[in-house]
């Protein structure tokens, strides 16, 4: 019997693919550096590969307010480990809108804004990318250069990724004329990815006046703004100042979408805490958009993790905790 079963197993195995045709993919150019760093025995080594806080001894740094709030959460035995809704923790997404727009801005409670918790910023980019492919299948323009994963995520979503000029290597500043010229020539109705602040990888941001001009061109050419917000507060030290361009577009009446990460600004790298926000024409449109976003999330990861969202919500919605975080 054993011999017969082995023969049958062997016959069945012949019909299974062995994936010999699969090519070895290149290692991630940034994340793979950590492996090399750990293997290096040189005591003078410094890891400049992954963007994460380190203390003076090169050790991972956790915000004191994150430690405090996390301890309170762990000590609260009334909290459970049940699934979050598909769109995540409402207290977190509301607090996230406060970071983006300012806690007193009408958009925080505006029913035109549809928000969902995501797997950090990358998860937000992916969900938005899939939504755009289904419901706004136009080209998406990204800056040259941009964060490397932008191209990879959007291409994987099936989007037509194009570039607009951004960095001037001669002046080490913004090639504003080139940027405007490219956006003027962009296919009408396209999506344009804008870095809210602390542009990755150049660190070069538009001035207020330049943001006004960018908005003017986007409105005239019917370009759909897509803000990637990973470093709010890092450029100037102020959430308000760093969010100026995004809020200007909002106050000019644009419909737009925002991907937001709390990996850097709250040090929640491994918790994968982020959000997406669609600013829609009206409440009804926001409801329809979110109904489709839910389907995309459900097909990808069902619902987001709870722990990091609880930490962020406890910080953002408590004035004392929030003030300690901002300091």
Protein backbone atom coordinates (compact mmCIF):
# COMPACT_ATOMS: atom_id res chain seq x y z
CA UNK A 1 0.00 0.00 0.00
CA UNK A 2 2.82 2.37 0.86
CA UNK A 3 4.51 1.63 -2.48
CA UNK A 4 1.29 2.28 -4.41
CA UNK A 5 0.65 5.54 -2.53
CA UNK A 6 4.21 6.72 -3.19
CA UNK A 7 3.78 5.96 -6.87
CA UNK A 8 0.55 7.92 -6.95
CA UNK A 9 2.17 10.81 -5.09
CA UNK A 10 5.05 10.79 -7.56
CA UNK A 11 2.64 10.79 -10.49
CA UNK A 12 0.66 13.69 -9.02
CA UNK A 13 3.85 15.63 -8.25
CA UNK A 14 4.81 15.52 -11.91
CA UNK A 15 1.81 17.72 -12.64
CA UNK A 16 2.76 20.41 -10.12
CA UNK A 17 4.93 23.33 -11.23
CA UNK A 18 8.42 23.48 -9.76
CA UNK A 19 8.77 27.16 -10.65
CA UNK A 20 12.07 26.54 -12.42
CA UNK A 21 11.07 29.32 -14.82
CA UNK A 22 10.93 31.91 -12.03
CA UNK A 23 13.81 34.37 -12.13
CA UNK A 24 15.59 35.57 -9.02
CA UNK A 25 14.32 39.06 -8.19
CA UNK A 26 16.81 41.74 -7.16
CA UNK A 27 16.96 42.54 -3.46
CA UNK A 28 15.31 45.74 -2.31
CA UNK A 29 18.03 48.40 -2.67
CA UNK A 30 17.20 50.05 0.67
CA UNK A 31 15.92 47.35 2.99
CA UNK A 32 18.61 44.86 1.96
CA UNK A 33 21.28 47.21 3.32
CA UNK A 34 20.20 46.31 6.85
CA UNK A 35 21.27 42.70 6.28
CA UNK A 36 24.71 43.84 5.20
CA UNK A 37 24.91 46.26 8.11
CA UNK A 38 24.18 43.53 10.66
CA UNK A 39 26.78 41.25 9.10
CA UNK A 40 29.47 43.95 9.14
CA UNK A 41 31.80 43.57 12.17
CA UNK A 42 33.35 47.04 11.90
CA UNK A 43 32.57 48.93 15.15
CA UNK A 44 32.58 52.22 13.23
CA UNK A 45 29.71 51.19 10.97
CA UNK A 46 26.73 53.53 10.49
CA UNK A 47 23.47 52.45 8.87
CA UNK A 48 22.19 55.18 6.56
CA UNK A 49 19.93 52.82 4.62
CA UNK A 50 16.61 52.75 6.48
CA UNK A 51 14.95 56.00 7.53
CA UNK A 52 14.41 55.39 11.23
CA UNK A 53 15.26 57.25 14.42
CA UNK A 54 18.41 56.22 16.26
CA UNK A 55 19.82 57.46 19.56
CA UNK A 56 23.40 58.63 20.07
CA UNK A 57 24.50 55.01 20.38
CA UNK A 58 22.85 53.97 17.14
CA UNK A 59 20.06 52.12 18.93
CA UNK A 60 16.37 52.28 17.90
CA UNK A 61 14.59 55.23 19.51
CA UNK A 62 11.02 55.00 20.77
CA UNK A 63 9.15 58.21 21.56
CA UNK A 64 8.63 58.51 25.35
CA UNK A 65 4.94 59.31 24.82
CA UNK A 66 4.60 56.13 22.76
CA UNK A 67 6.13 54.12 25.64
CA UNK A 68 3.75 55.78 28.11
CA UNK A 69 0.60 55.26 26.08
CA UNK A 70 1.54 51.70 25.14
CA UNK A 71 2.00 50.80 28.81
CA UNK A 72 -1.46 52.20 29.57
CA UNK A 73 -2.97 50.15 26.75
CA UNK A 74 -1.30 46.93 27.90
CA UNK A 75 -2.48 47.53 31.47
CA UNK A 76 -6.09 48.03 30.35
CA UNK A 77 -7.55 44.52 30.54
CA UNK A 78 -10.90 45.66 29.18
CA UNK A 79 -9.37 46.00 25.71
CA UNK A 80 -9.79 43.04 23.39
CA UNK A 81 -8.07 41.60 20.33
CA UNK A 82 -11.13 41.50 18.09
CA UNK A 83 -10.91 42.47 14.43
CA UNK A 84 -11.19 46.13 13.58
CA UNK A 85 -13.74 47.16 10.94
CA UNK A 86 -12.48 47.14 7.35
CA UNK A 87 -11.80 50.88 7.54
CA UNK A 88 -10.00 50.62 10.87
CA UNK A 89 -10.23 52.52 14.13
CA UNK A 90 -12.40 55.63 13.77
CA UNK A 91 -10.67 57.47 16.62
CA UNK A 92 -7.38 56.99 14.81
CA UNK A 93 -8.54 58.19 11.38
CA UNK A 94 -10.17 61.26 12.93
CA UNK A 95 -6.94 62.07 14.76
CA UNK A 96 -5.01 61.51 11.53
CA UNK A 97 -7.18 64.14 9.83
CA UNK A 98 -6.28 66.50 12.64
CA UNK A 99 -2.59 66.03 11.85
CA UNK A 100 -3.14 66.70 8.15
CA UNK A 101 -5.52 69.64 8.29
CA UNK A 102 -5.15 71.05 11.81
CA UNK A 103 -7.47 70.03 14.66
CA UNK A 104 -9.67 73.10 14.24
CA UNK A 105 -10.00 72.83 10.46
CA UNK A 106 -13.56 72.07 9.22
CA UNK A 107 -12.23 69.15 7.15
CA UNK A 108 -11.61 67.11 10.31
CA UNK A 109 -15.36 66.54 10.66
CA UNK A 110 -16.40 67.14 7.06
CA UNK A 111 -18.52 64.26 5.69
CA UNK A 112 -16.96 64.91 2.27
CA UNK A 113 -13.74 63.38 3.61
CA UNK A 114 -13.70 59.58 3.47
CA UNK A 115 -10.92 58.04 5.57
CA UNK A 116 -9.67 54.52 6.18
CA UNK A 117 -6.83 53.09 8.26
CA UNK A 118 -4.19 51.35 6.14
CA UNK A 119 -1.00 49.32 6.44
CA UNK A 120 1.11 52.45 6.87
CA UNK A 121 1.86 54.68 3.89
CA UNK A 122 2.72 51.88 1.47
CA UNK A 123 -0.61 50.19 2.16
CA UNK A 124 -2.39 53.49 1.51
CA UNK A 125 -0.55 53.91 -1.79
CA UNK A 126 -1.52 50.40 -2.87
CA UNK A 127 -5.20 50.74 -2.01
CA UNK A 128 -5.39 54.16 -3.67
CA UNK A 129 -3.52 52.85 -6.70
CA UNK A 130 -5.98 50.00 -7.14
CA UNK A 131 -8.90 52.40 -6.72
CA UNK A 132 -7.50 54.77 -9.36
CA UNK A 133 -6.95 51.91 -11.80
CA UNK A 134 -10.60 50.90 -11.48
CA UNK A 135 -12.28 54.30 -11.34
CA UNK A 136 -9.83 56.85 -12.74
CA UNK A 137 -7.65 54.92 -15.24
CA UNK A 138 -5.57 57.90 -16.32
CA UNK A 139 -1.78 58.38 -16.21
CA UNK A 140 -0.20 59.20 -12.87
CA UNK A 141 2.70 61.67 -12.86
CA UNK A 142 5.43 61.33 -10.22
CA UNK A 143 8.39 63.60 -9.57
CA UNK A 144 11.83 62.86 -10.99
CA UNK A 145 13.22 61.57 -8.72
CA UNK A 146 10.72 60.14 -6.26
CA UNK A 147 10.67 57.47 -3.57
CA UNK A 148 11.58 54.26 -5.37
CA UNK A 149 8.57 52.31 -4.17
CA UNK A 150 6.16 54.78 -5.80
CA UNK A 151 6.99 53.49 -9.26
CA UNK A 152 6.89 49.87 -8.13
CA UNK A 153 3.54 50.14 -6.33
CA UNK A 154 1.76 52.06 -9.07
CA UNK A 155 3.14 49.89 -11.86
CA UNK A 156 2.00 46.80 -9.94
CA UNK A 157 -1.46 48.37 -9.78
CA UNK A 158 -1.48 48.62 -13.57
CA UNK A 159 -1.20 52.41 -13.72
CA UNK A 160 0.57 54.31 -16.48
CA UNK A 161 3.38 55.98 -14.50
CA UNK A 162 4.96 59.09 -16.01
CA UNK A 163 7.37 61.73 -14.68
CA UNK A 164 7.54 65.47 -14.23
CA UNK A 165 10.79 67.32 -13.67
CA UNK A 166 11.47 68.25 -10.05
CA UNK A 167 15.07 68.35 -8.85
CA UNK A 168 17.75 70.51 -10.46
CA UNK A 169 21.16 68.86 -9.86
CA UNK A 170 22.96 72.09 -10.77
CA UNK A 171 21.27 74.32 -8.20
CA UNK A 172 20.49 71.47 -5.76
CA UNK A 173 17.01 72.97 -5.63
CA UNK A 174 13.60 72.74 -7.24
CA UNK A 175 13.41 72.85 -11.02
CA UNK A 176 10.19 74.79 -10.74
CA UNK A 177 10.02 75.97 -14.34
CA UNK A 178 10.53 72.40 -15.57
CA UNK A 179 7.93 71.09 -13.14
CA UNK A 180 5.32 73.60 -14.25
CA UNK A 181 6.08 73.04 -17.92
CA UNK A 182 5.64 69.27 -17.53
CA UNK A 183 2.41 69.64 -15.57
CA UNK A 184 1.12 72.03 -18.23
CA UNK A 185 1.80 69.35 -20.84
CA UNK A 186 0.41 66.49 -18.75
CA UNK A 187 -2.57 64.66 -20.18
CA UNK A 188 -5.70 66.44 -18.97
CA UNK A 189 -7.46 64.53 -16.22
CA UNK A 190 -4.32 62.75 -15.07
CA UNK A 191 -3.33 62.19 -11.46
CA UNK A 192 -0.28 64.02 -10.09
CA UNK A 193 1.57 62.70 -7.05
CA UNK A 194 2.83 65.50 -4.79
CA UNK A 195 4.99 65.13 -1.69
CA UNK A 196 3.33 67.14 1.07
CA UNK A 197 6.70 68.11 2.55
CA UNK A 198 10.28 66.87 3.07
CA UNK A 199 10.36 65.52 -0.47
CA UNK A 200 11.81 62.02 -0.65
CA UNK A 201 14.60 61.68 -1.68
CA UNK A 202 15.68 65.29 -2.32
CA UNK A 203 14.33 67.18 0.70
CA UNK A 204 13.43 70.06 -1.63
CA UNK A 205 9.95 71.54 -1.19
CA UNK A 206 8.00 74.28 -3.02
CA UNK A 207 7.52 77.68 -1.42
CA UNK A 208 4.02 78.93 -0.61
CA UNK A 209 3.95 80.96 -3.81
CA UNK A 210 5.07 77.93 -5.80
CA UNK A 211 2.32 75.82 -4.23
CA UNK A 212 -0.16 78.45 -5.43
CA UNK A 213 1.13 78.14 -8.98
CA UNK A 214 1.08 74.33 -8.85
CA UNK A 215 -2.55 74.44 -7.73
CA UNK A 216 -3.37 76.89 -10.51
CA UNK A 217 -1.92 74.55 -13.15
CA UNK A 218 -3.65 71.51 -11.65
CA UNK A 219 -6.99 73.29 -11.72
CA UNK A 220 -6.55 74.55 -15.26
CA UNK A 221 -5.39 71.17 -16.57
CA UNK A 222 -7.93 69.21 -14.51
CA UNK A 223 -5.17 67.24 -12.76
CA UNK A 224 -6.19 65.15 -9.75
CA UNK A 225 -3.91 65.84 -6.74
CA UNK A 226 -2.56 62.85 -4.82
CA UNK A 227 -0.56 63.87 -1.73
CA UNK A 228 1.91 61.47 -0.12
CA UNK A 229 2.38 62.54 3.50
CA UNK A 230 5.10 60.64 5.34
CA UNK A 231 7.16 63.37 6.99
CA UNK A 232 4.79 66.11 8.15
CA UNK A 233 6.63 68.18 10.75
CA UNK A 234 10.10 67.07 9.62
CA UNK A 235 10.79 69.88 7.15
CA UNK A 236 10.05 72.94 9.31
CA UNK A 237 9.37 71.38 12.71
CA UNK A 238 5.73 72.44 12.43
CA UNK A 239 2.80 70.28 11.32
CA UNK A 240 0.98 73.43 10.30
CA UNK A 241 3.75 74.84 8.12
CA UNK A 242 4.55 71.49 6.53
CA UNK A 243 0.90 70.93 5.67
CA UNK A 244 0.49 74.30 3.94
CA UNK A 245 0.46 73.03 0.35
CA UNK A 246 -2.05 70.28 1.08
CA UNK A 247 -4.36 72.64 2.97
CA UNK A 248 -4.09 75.24 0.20
CA UNK A 249 -5.36 72.70 -2.32
CA UNK A 250 -8.12 71.74 0.12
CA UNK A 251 -9.18 75.36 0.66
CA UNK A 252 -9.18 75.94 -3.10
CA UNK A 253 -11.93 73.36 -3.41
CA UNK A 254 -9.96 70.50 -4.95
CA UNK A 255 -11.14 66.94 -4.79
CA UNK A 256 -8.03 64.93 -3.93
CA UNK A 257 -6.61 61.89 -2.19
CA UNK A 258 -3.98 61.61 0.54
CA UNK A 259 -1.76 58.74 1.69
CA UNK A 260 -0.50 59.22 5.25
CA UNK A 261 2.09 57.35 7.30
CA UNK A 262 2.80 57.36 11.04
CA UNK A 263 5.97 55.28 10.70
CA UNK A 264 8.32 58.24 10.81
CA UNK A 265 6.35 60.96 12.59
CA UNK A 266 5.41 58.73 15.53
CA UNK A 267 8.11 56.07 15.26
CA UNK A 268 5.54 53.32 14.66
CA UNK A 269 7.55 51.63 11.93
CA UNK A 270 6.75 48.03 12.73
CA UNK A 271 3.14 48.70 13.69
CA UNK A 272 2.28 49.60 10.07
CA UNK A 273 0.02 52.49 11.03
CA UNK A 274 -1.28 54.76 8.28
CA UNK A 275 -4.37 56.13 6.59
CA UNK A 276 -5.87 57.22 3.32
CA UNK A 277 -8.25 60.14 2.86
CA UNK A 278 -10.42 60.92 -0.16
CA UNK A 279 -11.70 64.51 -0.26
CA UNK A 280 -14.83 64.20 -2.40
CA UNK A 281 -17.41 66.50 -3.94
CA UNK A 282 -20.05 65.76 -1.33
CA UNK A 283 -21.11 63.31 1.36
CA UNK A 284 -22.83 60.99 -1.11
CA UNK A 285 -19.71 60.73 -3.27
CA UNK A 286 -17.59 60.05 -0.18
CA UNK A 287 -19.91 57.20 0.75
CA UNK A 288 -19.67 55.64 -2.69
CA UNK A 289 -15.89 55.96 -2.74
CA UNK A 290 -15.55 54.34 0.67
CA UNK A 291 -17.81 51.46 -0.36
CA UNK A 292 -15.32 50.62 -3.12
CA UNK A 293 -12.28 51.20 -0.89
CA UNK A 294 -13.71 48.64 1.53
CA UNK A 295 -13.87 46.03 -1.21
CA UNK A 296 -10.22 46.66 -2.15
CA UNK A 297 -9.09 46.42 1.47
CA UNK A 298 -11.15 43.29 2.05
CA UNK A 299 -9.49 41.61 -0.93
CA UNK A 300 -6.00 42.56 0.26
CA UNK A 301 -5.85 42.22 4.05
CA UNK A 302 -9.46 42.31 5.34
CA UNK A 303 -8.80 44.77 8.16
CA UNK A 304 -5.83 46.68 9.58
CA UNK A 305 -3.92 45.94 12.80
CA UNK A 306 -5.20 47.42 16.04
CA UNK A 307 -2.22 48.05 18.33
CA UNK A 308 -0.48 50.90 16.51
CA UNK A 309 -3.79 52.61 15.77
CA UNK A 310 -4.68 52.51 19.47
CA UNK A 311 -1.35 54.10 20.36
CA UNK A 312 -1.72 56.85 17.76
CA UNK A 313 -5.35 57.55 18.69
CA UNK A 314 -4.49 57.83 22.38
CA UNK A 315 -1.81 60.39 21.54
CA UNK A 316 -3.68 62.40 18.92
CA UNK A 317 -7.01 62.68 20.74
CA UNK A 318 -5.61 63.59 24.15
CA UNK A 319 -4.38 67.22 24.25
CA UNK A 320 -1.69 66.52 26.87
CA UNK A 321 -0.36 63.46 25.07
CA UNK A 322 -0.48 65.30 21.76
CA UNK A 323 1.47 68.23 23.13
CA UNK A 324 4.17 65.92 24.49
CA UNK A 325 4.38 64.24 21.08
CA UNK A 326 4.66 67.57 19.26
CA UNK A 327 7.47 68.69 21.55
